[in-house]
Amino acid sequence: MKSSPGKNPLHRATEPVPAPEVAVASPHKYSAVLVVMLVGFWGVMAARPDWLSYLGIRHFGVWFIDSYAILASNDALAQGLDVYAANPLDYFGRPHVYSPWWLSLGKLGFTRADSFWLGCTLGLAFLAVAVDWLRPRSWGGLLWSLVALGSPCILMAVERANNDLVIFLLLAPVVPCLLAEHRGWQVGAILLIAVATGLKFYPAAAALLLLAPAGSTRSVRWRVAGGILALGLVAATIASGYLRVRNLLPPVDGPMNFGAIHALGRLGLDGVMPGLVAAIVIVVAWWRADIFRGWMIPAEVRRIWLHGVLGAVVLGGCFFTSTNFAYRWVFALWLVPWLWWAAHAAEAPRAVRRLAWITAGLLAAALWIDPLTLGLLTQWLAPLPGPVVARTANLAYVLEQPLIWALFVCLLAPVTEFLRTHWRPVAGLPDRPATGSARPAG
């Protein structure tokens, strides 16, 4: 894609995340404002945890209850208790419902007494990585970052120190590792995906990123083969643990949850297969539509593009195969810079820009509708009888489902483009013929 610097705002960019419409003298100030606003907001909620209920978050009088549950399972194991039964050492008697790998924390010396400082450390590490990734470069970009990172779904993950934050931190370096020239860093990407998968199962979807064309076709092939081998080894070590916990998982349905199984189950289509079939049909539809036709992703936004694909494939894998608590929306943060750039990029095809705007609007709705609905029903309308509140919340949840499905239909568009672009060389086929370096923006 070649054009003169005066006509192509993309080639004026010196940062990985260009803002086509704004030249920023000091981009760090927007990150600083973002940190101040988030720390202030979270600080107010920490000082007044009873206010969390206005955002649809139920505070149980204890901080970091999810990390506490894992540490309580380790303490129970040390005392010879069955960690897959009701745990008397946990606040709520919860059994262990995660990978057996988490049960190694006790061997490292961690106990329930470490829950608070570990939760604080995890929350601060997540904030640092998230802000460093978002790096807004305009007031509009700052507002968009606040919509995502300041949402109650993200706050709830931090308030409970949910281990999805650990997965976020593990997968965050995957794209930089893949883009590094040294093969050792690319091996690191495989290891990060494997470790994350061993801890929470669903990060296996991130292995799709191993198709990214970093290096020669031969190097991509060995990377894919290495990823398959690593995930196979991980599966062999966690399979027995997964079989033990799959029937212990708490029911996930209603507000502050998402998953294709919810709507499909109400239609009598139970199990994982209907969701997978739906995902395949959507991918085929995007493949035929080919809205990226003739337009290549600019090299200077390659990193945010791949992170966007990573966020889309992890969220999409979760949505179409399982049910999920709202914590999992943390992976939507990887989509934020890509959606902002694509919505404003003059050189992008109109269909791509339109898709970015629609996806951003649907993502904002997904992050805020459930929390605000729950806050309204449980606090502002609290005098209503409990059954009325419950029915109203479920009705709002059902009405919201078309928006959630529309969002995940949109998220499969970049995943489809990534597959379309990168599967051919790995399969030994010639690269997809290009009809031009860029399509007219109009």
Protein backbone atom coordinates (compact mmCIF):
# COMPACT_ATOMS: atom_id res chain seq x y z
CA MET A 1 0.00 0.00 0.00
CA LYS A 2 1.84 3.15 -1.21
CA SER A 3 0.74 6.70 -1.08
CA SER A 4 2.29 10.05 -0.38
CA PRO A 5 2.77 11.01 3.28
CA GLY A 6 0.48 13.96 2.82
CA LYS A 7 -2.44 11.81 1.70
CA ASN A 8 -2.01 8.76 3.85
CA PRO A 9 -2.37 9.44 7.59
CA LEU A 10 -1.41 5.85 8.37
CA HIS A 11 2.16 6.32 7.19
CA ARG A 12 2.61 9.40 9.34
CA ALA A 13 2.17 7.23 12.42
CA THR A 14 5.20 6.48 14.57
CA GLU A 15 3.29 4.54 17.24
CA PRO A 16 1.82 1.02 16.92
CA VAL A 17 -1.68 2.40 17.36
CA PRO A 18 -2.10 5.40 15.06
CA ALA A 19 -4.98 7.81 15.41
CA PRO A 20 -5.75 8.93 11.85
CA GLU A 21 -7.61 12.08 12.79
CA VAL A 22 -5.36 13.50 15.51
CA ALA A 23 -1.68 14.36 15.83
CA VAL A 24 -0.89 14.06 19.52
CA ALA A 25 2.08 15.92 21.00
CA SER A 26 2.02 14.10 24.33
CA PRO A 27 0.04 10.84 24.11
CA HIS A 28 1.10 9.82 27.61
CA LYS A 29 -1.16 12.43 29.15
CA TYR A 30 -4.24 10.51 28.04
CA SER A 31 -2.92 7.33 29.66
CA ALA A 32 -2.22 9.31 32.83
CA VAL A 33 -5.76 10.69 32.85
CA LEU A 34 -7.10 7.18 32.28
CA VAL A 35 -5.13 5.83 35.25
CA VAL A 36 -6.21 8.70 37.52
CA MET A 37 -9.88 8.27 36.62
CA LEU A 38 -9.81 4.50 37.04
CA VAL A 39 -7.90 4.55 40.31
CA GLY A 40 -10.26 7.22 41.60
CA PHE A 41 -13.33 5.25 40.53
CA TRP A 42 -12.05 1.96 41.91
CA GLY A 43 -10.90 3.73 45.07
CA VAL A 44 -14.38 5.12 45.70
CA MET A 45 -15.86 1.67 45.22
CA ALA A 46 -13.27 0.20 47.61
CA ALA A 47 -14.14 2.79 50.24
CA ARG A 48 -17.88 2.30 49.73
CA PRO A 49 -18.34 -1.32 48.59
CA ASP A 50 -22.07 -1.02 49.26
CA TRP A 51 -22.23 1.22 46.19
CA LEU A 52 -21.13 -1.68 44.00
CA SER A 53 -24.68 -2.98 44.02
CA TYR A 54 -25.76 0.09 42.03
CA LEU A 55 -23.52 -1.28 39.25
CA GLY A 56 -24.97 -4.76 39.44
CA ILE A 57 -22.05 -6.16 41.48
CA ARG A 58 -22.87 -8.06 44.61
CA HIS A 59 -20.20 -7.53 47.26
CA PHE A 60 -20.14 -10.28 49.88
CA GLY A 61 -18.30 -8.31 52.55
CA VAL A 62 -14.98 -9.91 51.57
CA TRP A 63 -12.51 -8.85 48.92
CA PHE A 64 -11.03 -11.20 46.31
CA ILE A 65 -13.33 -14.14 46.99
CA ASP A 66 -12.32 -16.03 43.84
CA SER A 67 -8.60 -16.06 44.60
CA TYR A 68 -9.51 -16.97 48.17
CA ALA A 69 -11.42 -20.03 46.94
CA ILE A 70 -8.37 -21.34 45.09
CA LEU A 71 -6.11 -20.80 48.09
CA ALA A 72 -8.70 -22.45 50.33
CA SER A 73 -8.62 -25.50 48.04
CA ASN A 74 -4.85 -25.65 48.44
CA ASP A 75 -5.20 -25.43 52.23
CA ALA A 76 -7.82 -28.18 52.15
CA LEU A 77 -5.48 -30.39 50.12
CA ALA A 78 -2.72 -29.79 52.66
CA GLN A 79 -5.09 -30.92 55.41
CA GLY A 80 -6.02 -34.09 53.57
CA LEU A 81 -9.54 -32.96 52.63
CA ASP A 82 -11.28 -33.78 49.37
CA VAL A 83 -10.95 -30.57 47.34
CA TYR A 84 -13.73 -31.67 45.00
CA ALA A 85 -16.26 -31.75 47.84
CA ALA A 86 -17.73 -28.85 49.83
CA ASN A 87 -14.76 -27.02 51.34
CA PRO A 88 -15.18 -25.95 54.97
CA LEU A 89 -12.16 -23.63 54.62
CA ASP A 90 -13.84 -21.45 51.99
CA TYR A 91 -16.26 -18.66 52.90
CA PHE A 92 -18.99 -20.27 50.83
CA GLY A 93 -17.95 -23.91 51.03
CA ARG A 94 -17.06 -23.99 47.34
CA PRO A 95 -15.33 -27.09 45.93
CA HIS A 96 -12.38 -26.76 43.58
CA VAL A 97 -13.75 -26.19 40.05
CA TYR A 98 -10.56 -25.34 38.17
CA SER A 99 -7.65 -27.17 36.63
CA PRO A 100 -5.57 -29.32 39.01
CA TRP A 101 -2.62 -27.08 38.16
CA TRP A 102 -3.96 -24.46 40.58
CA LEU A 103 -3.49 -26.95 43.40
CA SER A 104 0.26 -26.47 43.15
CA LEU A 105 0.07 -23.03 44.80
CA GLY A 106 0.21 -24.62 48.22
CA LYS A 107 3.53 -26.25 47.34
CA LEU A 108 4.86 -22.76 46.63
CA GLY A 109 3.92 -21.67 50.13
CA PHE A 110 0.73 -19.75 49.40
CA THR A 111 -2.19 -19.99 51.83
CA ARG A 112 -5.47 -18.18 52.49
CA ALA A 113 -3.50 -15.63 54.49
CA ASP A 114 -1.97 -14.42 51.22
CA SER A 115 -5.33 -13.78 49.56
CA PHE A 116 -5.51 -10.03 50.13
CA TRP A 117 -2.03 -9.03 49.00
CA LEU A 118 -2.19 -11.45 46.05
CA GLY A 119 -5.54 -9.98 45.01
CA CYS A 120 -4.18 -6.43 45.23
CA THR A 121 -1.08 -7.39 43.24
CA LEU A 122 -3.14 -9.11 40.57
CA GLY A 123 -5.46 -6.12 40.23
CA LEU A 124 -2.60 -3.63 39.95
CA ALA A 125 -0.74 -5.81 37.43
CA PHE A 126 -3.89 -6.09 35.34
CA LEU A 127 -4.44 -2.32 35.46
CA ALA A 128 -0.85 -1.63 34.41
CA VAL A 129 -0.95 -4.04 31.47
CA ALA A 130 -4.42 -2.93 30.36
CA VAL A 131 -3.58 0.78 30.38
CA ASP A 132 -0.25 0.17 28.66
CA TRP A 133 -2.14 -1.71 25.96
CA LEU A 134 -4.97 0.78 25.47
CA ARG A 135 -2.79 3.94 25.34
CA PRO A 136 -5.50 6.36 24.18
CA ARG A 137 -4.20 9.14 21.93
CA SER A 138 -7.13 11.52 21.90
CA TRP A 139 -10.00 12.53 24.14
CA GLY A 140 -12.30 10.37 22.07
CA GLY A 141 -9.96 7.41 22.45
CA LEU A 142 -9.80 8.08 26.19
CA LEU A 143 -13.59 8.00 26.44
CA TRP A 144 -13.74 4.75 24.46
CA SER A 145 -11.08 3.21 26.74
CA LEU A 146 -13.09 4.25 29.80
CA VAL A 147 -16.23 2.66 28.39
CA ALA A 148 -14.40 -0.66 28.24
CA LEU A 149 -11.91 -0.67 31.11
CA GLY A 150 -14.24 1.25 33.45
CA SER A 151 -17.17 -1.10 32.90
CA PRO A 152 -18.69 -2.95 35.89
CA CYS A 153 -17.86 -6.32 34.28
CA ILE A 154 -14.14 -5.50 34.46
CA LEU A 155 -14.52 -4.05 37.95
CA MET A 156 -16.18 -7.23 39.16
CA ALA A 157 -13.26 -9.32 37.90
CA VAL A 158 -10.88 -7.09 39.87
CA GLU A 159 -13.10 -6.98 42.96
CA ARG A 160 -13.08 -10.77 43.14
CA ALA A 161 -9.52 -11.27 41.83
CA ASN A 162 -10.91 -13.77 39.37
CA ASN A 163 -8.31 -15.98 37.73
CA ASP A 164 -9.38 -14.78 34.28
CA LEU A 165 -7.08 -11.84 35.10
CA VAL A 166 -4.19 -14.30 35.34
CA ILE A 167 -5.08 -15.65 31.89
CA PHE A 168 -5.23 -12.09 30.55
CA LEU A 169 -1.71 -11.43 31.84
CA LEU A 170 -0.40 -14.70 30.43
CA LEU A 171 -1.85 -14.15 26.96
CA ALA A 172 -0.98 -10.43 26.73
CA PRO A 173 2.62 -11.08 25.54
CA VAL A 174 1.60 -13.70 22.94
CA VAL A 175 1.36 -11.28 20.01
CA PRO A 176 4.66 -9.48 20.72
CA CYS A 177 6.34 -12.89 21.07
CA LEU A 178 4.94 -14.03 17.72
CA LEU A 179 6.08 -10.85 16.00
CA ALA A 180 9.62 -11.11 17.40
CA GLU A 181 12.28 -12.21 14.94
CA HIS A 182 14.08 -14.57 17.30
CA ARG A 183 12.65 -18.07 17.32
CA GLY A 184 13.00 -18.30 21.09
CA TRP A 185 10.35 -15.63 21.59
CA GLN A 186 8.01 -17.49 19.26
CA VAL A 187 8.50 -20.63 21.32
CA GLY A 188 7.59 -18.45 24.30
CA ALA A 189 4.23 -17.70 22.67
CA ILE A 190 3.52 -21.42 22.42
CA LEU A 191 4.45 -21.93 26.07
CA LEU A 192 2.28 -19.02 27.22
CA ILE A 193 -0.76 -20.41 25.39
CA ALA A 194 -0.07 -23.90 26.75
CA VAL A 195 0.26 -22.70 30.36
CA ALA A 196 -2.89 -20.58 30.08
CA THR A 197 -4.74 -23.58 28.65
CA GLY A 198 -3.52 -25.77 31.47
CA LEU A 199 -4.98 -23.32 33.96
CA LYS A 200 -8.37 -22.56 32.41
CA PHE A 201 -8.99 -24.82 29.35
CA TYR A 202 -10.53 -22.14 27.06
CA PRO A 203 -7.26 -20.32 26.15
CA ALA A 204 -6.59 -23.19 23.72
CA ALA A 205 -8.53 -21.05 21.22
CA ALA A 206 -5.61 -18.59 21.25
CA ALA A 207 -3.52 -21.20 19.40
CA LEU A 208 -5.16 -19.92 16.22
CA LEU A 209 -2.75 -16.97 16.43
CA LEU A 210 0.13 -19.34 15.75
CA LEU A 211 -0.86 -19.01 12.08
CA ALA A 212 0.37 -15.39 12.15
CA PRO A 213 2.93 -14.98 9.34
CA ALA A 214 5.98 -14.13 11.45
CA GLY A 215 9.02 -15.51 9.64
CA SER A 216 9.06 -18.03 6.81
CA THR A 217 6.27 -20.43 5.94
CA ARG A 218 8.43 -23.20 7.33
CA SER A 219 8.70 -21.45 10.69
CA VAL A 220 4.93 -20.97 10.81
CA ARG A 221 4.45 -24.67 10.16
CA TRP A 222 6.79 -25.77 12.93
CA ARG A 223 5.12 -23.25 15.24
CA VAL A 224 1.69 -24.72 14.50
CA ALA A 225 3.04 -28.24 14.97
CA GLY A 226 4.68 -27.21 18.25
CA GLY A 227 1.43 -25.66 19.43
CA ILE A 228 -0.53 -28.82 18.65
CA LEU A 229 2.04 -30.92 20.51
CA ALA A 230 2.07 -28.59 23.52
CA LEU A 231 -1.72 -28.50 23.77
CA GLY A 232 -1.85 -32.27 23.45
CA LEU A 233 0.54 -32.66 26.36
CA VAL A 234 -1.45 -30.16 28.42
CA ALA A 235 -4.70 -31.97 27.65
CA ALA A 236 -3.18 -35.23 28.85
CA THR A 237 -2.28 -33.67 32.21
CA ILE A 238 -5.57 -31.90 32.90
CA ALA A 239 -8.10 -34.29 31.36
CA SER A 240 -8.75 -36.23 34.56
CA GLY A 241 -9.11 -33.02 36.56
CA TYR A 242 -11.53 -31.59 34.02
CA LEU A 243 -13.67 -34.71 34.18
CA ARG A 244 -13.87 -34.31 37.94
CA VAL A 245 -14.87 -30.64 37.95
CA ARG A 246 -17.21 -30.43 34.96
CA ASN A 247 -20.21 -31.49 37.06
CA LEU A 248 -19.19 -29.19 39.92
CA LEU A 249 -19.26 -26.00 37.89
CA PRO A 250 -21.90 -23.58 39.20
CA PRO A 251 -24.88 -22.95 36.92
CA VAL A 252 -24.32 -19.90 34.75
CA ASP A 253 -27.43 -18.28 33.33
CA GLY A 254 -29.18 -14.95 33.50
CA PRO A 255 -27.72 -11.42 33.80
CA MET A 256 -23.94 -10.89 34.04
CA ASN A 257 -23.38 -14.06 32.02
CA PHE A 258 -23.06 -14.85 28.33
CA GLY A 259 -22.92 -17.90 26.10
CA ALA A 260 -24.63 -19.32 23.04
CA ILE A 261 -25.78 -22.29 25.08
CA HIS A 262 -28.20 -20.02 26.95
CA ALA A 263 -30.34 -19.13 23.96
CA LEU A 264 -29.87 -22.44 22.16
CA GLY A 265 -30.78 -24.39 25.31
CA ARG A 266 -34.04 -22.49 25.58
CA LEU A 267 -34.77 -23.69 22.04
CA GLY A 268 -34.11 -27.29 23.04
CA LEU A 269 -30.67 -27.40 21.38
CA ASP A 270 -28.51 -28.62 24.24
CA GLY A 271 -24.79 -29.35 24.30
CA VAL A 272 -21.77 -27.83 22.64
CA MET A 273 -22.42 -28.95 19.06
CA PRO A 274 -25.22 -26.47 18.22
CA GLY A 275 -22.99 -23.56 19.19
CA LEU A 276 -20.11 -24.88 17.11
CA VAL A 277 -22.41 -25.36 14.14
CA ALA A 278 -23.67 -21.80 14.51
CA ALA A 279 -20.08 -20.50 14.60
CA ILE A 280 -19.16 -22.45 11.45
CA VAL A 281 -22.21 -21.13 9.60
CA ILE A 282 -21.29 -17.55 10.56
CA VAL A 283 -17.66 -18.01 9.48
CA VAL A 284 -18.79 -19.39 6.13
CA ALA A 285 -21.08 -16.38 5.66
CA TRP A 286 -18.25 -13.93 6.41
CA TRP A 287 -15.94 -15.92 4.14
CA ARG A 288 -18.35 -15.45 1.24
CA ALA A 289 -18.95 -11.79 2.07
CA ASP A 290 -15.17 -11.09 2.13
CA ILE A 291 -15.54 -7.46 3.24
CA PHE A 292 -11.75 -7.06 3.44
CA ARG A 293 -11.34 -7.99 -0.25
CA GLY A 294 -8.44 -6.20 -1.92
CA TRP A 295 -7.33 -4.42 1.27
CA MET A 296 -4.33 -5.44 3.33
CA ILE A 297 -3.95 -4.60 7.02
CA PRO A 298 -1.28 -1.87 7.22
CA ALA A 299 2.00 -3.03 8.75
CA GLU A 300 1.95 -0.25 11.35
CA VAL A 301 -1.26 -1.58 12.90
CA ARG A 302 -0.37 -5.24 12.60
CA ARG A 303 0.05 -5.61 16.35
CA ILE A 304 -3.34 -4.17 17.28
CA TRP A 305 -4.95 -6.20 14.46
CA LEU A 306 -3.52 -9.45 15.84
CA HIS A 307 -4.51 -8.52 19.38
CA GLY A 308 -8.00 -7.80 18.11
CA VAL A 309 -8.11 -11.25 16.50
CA LEU A 310 -6.83 -12.75 19.77
CA GLY A 311 -9.59 -11.07 21.76
CA ALA A 312 -12.22 -12.09 19.21
CA VAL A 313 -11.14 -15.73 19.04
CA VAL A 314 -10.91 -16.16 22.83
CA LEU A 315 -14.29 -14.52 23.44
CA GLY A 316 -15.84 -16.31 20.48
CA GLY A 317 -14.52 -19.66 21.64
CA CYS A 318 -16.01 -19.06 25.07
CA PHE A 319 -19.35 -17.85 23.70
CA PHE A 320 -20.00 -20.62 21.19
CA THR A 321 -18.88 -23.54 23.39
CA SER A 322 -19.79 -22.70 26.98
CA THR A 323 -21.45 -20.37 29.44
CA ASN A 324 -19.39 -17.65 31.04
CA PHE A 325 -19.49 -15.21 33.92
CA ALA A 326 -19.02 -11.54 33.06
CA TYR A 327 -15.36 -11.64 34.17
CA ARG A 328 -14.48 -13.03 30.77
CA TRP A 329 -15.20 -9.70 29.13
CA VAL A 330 -11.67 -8.68 30.18
CA PHE A 331 -10.50 -10.10 26.86
CA ALA A 332 -12.61 -7.51 25.05
CA LEU A 333 -9.93 -4.97 26.00
CA TRP A 334 -7.73 -6.36 23.22
CA LEU A 335 -10.38 -5.30 20.71
CA VAL A 336 -10.57 -1.69 21.85
CA PRO A 337 -7.58 -0.16 19.95
CA TRP A 338 -8.36 -2.10 16.77
CA LEU A 339 -12.01 -1.03 16.73
CA TRP A 340 -11.05 2.61 17.35
CA TRP A 341 -8.46 2.58 14.59
CA ALA A 342 -10.62 0.74 12.05
CA ALA A 343 -13.61 3.01 12.68
CA HIS A 344 -11.53 6.10 11.85
CA ALA A 345 -9.11 4.78 9.21
CA ALA A 346 -9.81 6.67 5.98
CA GLU A 347 -8.07 3.98 3.91
CA ALA A 348 -10.13 1.11 5.25
CA PRO A 349 -13.03 -0.09 3.08
CA ARG A 350 -16.34 1.43 4.05
CA ALA A 351 -17.68 -1.99 5.06
CA VAL A 352 -14.78 -2.47 7.48
CA ARG A 353 -15.27 0.96 9.02
CA ARG A 354 -18.99 0.36 9.36
CA LEU A 355 -18.36 -3.04 10.94
CA ALA A 356 -15.97 -1.45 13.45
CA TRP A 357 -18.56 1.14 14.50
CA ILE A 358 -21.29 -1.48 14.85
CA THR A 359 -19.04 -3.84 16.81
CA ALA A 360 -17.94 -1.06 19.14
CA GLY A 361 -21.53 -0.09 19.86
CA LEU A 362 -22.57 -3.67 20.51
CA LEU A 363 -19.54 -4.23 22.75
CA ALA A 364 -20.38 -1.15 24.81
CA ALA A 365 -23.95 -2.42 25.17
CA ALA A 366 -22.74 -5.87 26.25
CA LEU A 367 -20.46 -4.37 28.89
CA TRP A 368 -23.05 -2.04 30.42
CA ILE A 369 -26.63 -3.25 29.88
CA ASP A 370 -26.56 -6.15 32.34
CA PRO A 371 -24.85 -4.26 35.20
CA LEU A 372 -27.07 -1.20 34.89
CA THR A 373 -30.20 -3.35 34.62
CA LEU A 374 -29.28 -5.28 37.75
CA GLY A 375 -28.41 -2.09 39.60
CA LEU A 376 -31.72 -0.53 38.63
CA LEU A 377 -33.73 -3.56 39.64
CA THR A 378 -31.96 -4.41 42.90
CA GLN A 379 -31.45 -0.88 44.21
CA TRP A 380 -33.65 1.73 42.60
CA LEU A 381 -36.62 -0.66 42.32
CA ALA A 382 -35.77 -2.65 45.46
CA PRO A 383 -39.20 -2.10 47.07
CA LEU A 384 -40.69 -4.33 44.37
CA PRO A 385 -41.37 -7.95 45.40
CA GLY A 386 -38.43 -10.30 44.80
CA PRO A 387 -40.21 -12.46 42.22
CA VAL A 388 -41.09 -9.36 40.19
CA VAL A 389 -37.47 -8.20 40.21
CA ALA A 390 -36.27 -11.67 39.18
CA ARG A 391 -38.76 -11.95 36.33
CA THR A 392 -37.94 -8.46 35.10
CA ALA A 393 -34.20 -9.20 35.19
CA ASN A 394 -34.69 -12.41 33.22
CA LEU A 395 -36.89 -10.61 30.70
CA ALA A 396 -34.22 -7.95 30.18
CA TYR A 397 -31.67 -10.73 29.77
CA VAL A 398 -33.76 -12.47 27.10
CA LEU A 399 -34.33 -9.21 25.24
CA GLU A 400 -30.60 -8.55 25.32
CA GLN A 401 -29.70 -11.82 23.59
CA PRO A 402 -30.10 -10.54 19.99
CA LEU A 403 -27.54 -7.82 20.77
CA ILE A 404 -25.09 -10.34 22.23
CA TRP A 405 -25.50 -12.66 19.26
CA ALA A 406 -25.05 -9.73 16.86
CA LEU A 407 -21.82 -8.81 18.67
CA PHE A 408 -20.37 -12.28 18.28
CA VAL A 409 -21.43 -12.44 14.65
CA CYS A 410 -19.39 -9.26 14.17
CA LEU A 411 -16.43 -10.62 16.14
CA LEU A 412 -16.17 -13.60 13.81
CA ALA A 413 -15.51 -11.27 10.86
CA PRO A 414 -11.86 -10.49 11.80
CA VAL A 415 -11.34 -14.13 12.80
CA THR A 416 -12.57 -15.21 9.37
CA GLU A 417 -10.30 -12.71 7.62
CA PHE A 418 -7.32 -13.93 9.65
CA LEU A 419 -8.05 -17.53 8.66
CA ARG A 420 -8.66 -16.63 5.02
CA THR A 421 -5.34 -14.78 4.82
CA HIS A 422 -3.06 -17.20 6.64
CA TRP A 423 -4.22 -20.77 6.18
CA ARG A 424 -3.10 -21.18 2.58
CA PRO A 425 0.70 -20.94 3.05
CA VAL A 426 0.57 -23.35 5.99
CA ALA A 427 -1.35 -25.82 3.83
CA GLY A 428 1.25 -25.51 1.07
CA LEU A 429 -1.01 -23.49 -1.24
CA PRO A 430 0.00 -20.22 -2.95
CA ASP A 431 -0.84 -16.99 -1.16
CA ARG A 432 -4.30 -15.57 -1.71
CA PRO A 433 -4.16 -13.38 -4.83
CA ALA A 434 -4.56 -9.70 -4.09
CA THR A 435 -6.72 -7.51 -6.30
CA GLY A 436 -5.01 -4.37 -5.11
CA SER A 437 -3.18 -2.96 -2.14
CA ALA A 438 -6.12 -0.91 -0.98
CA ARG A 439 -9.72 -0.43 -1.92
CA PRO A 440 -11.17 3.05 -2.23
CA ALA A 441 -12.39 4.27 1.15
CA GLY A 442 -15.78 5.19 -0.21
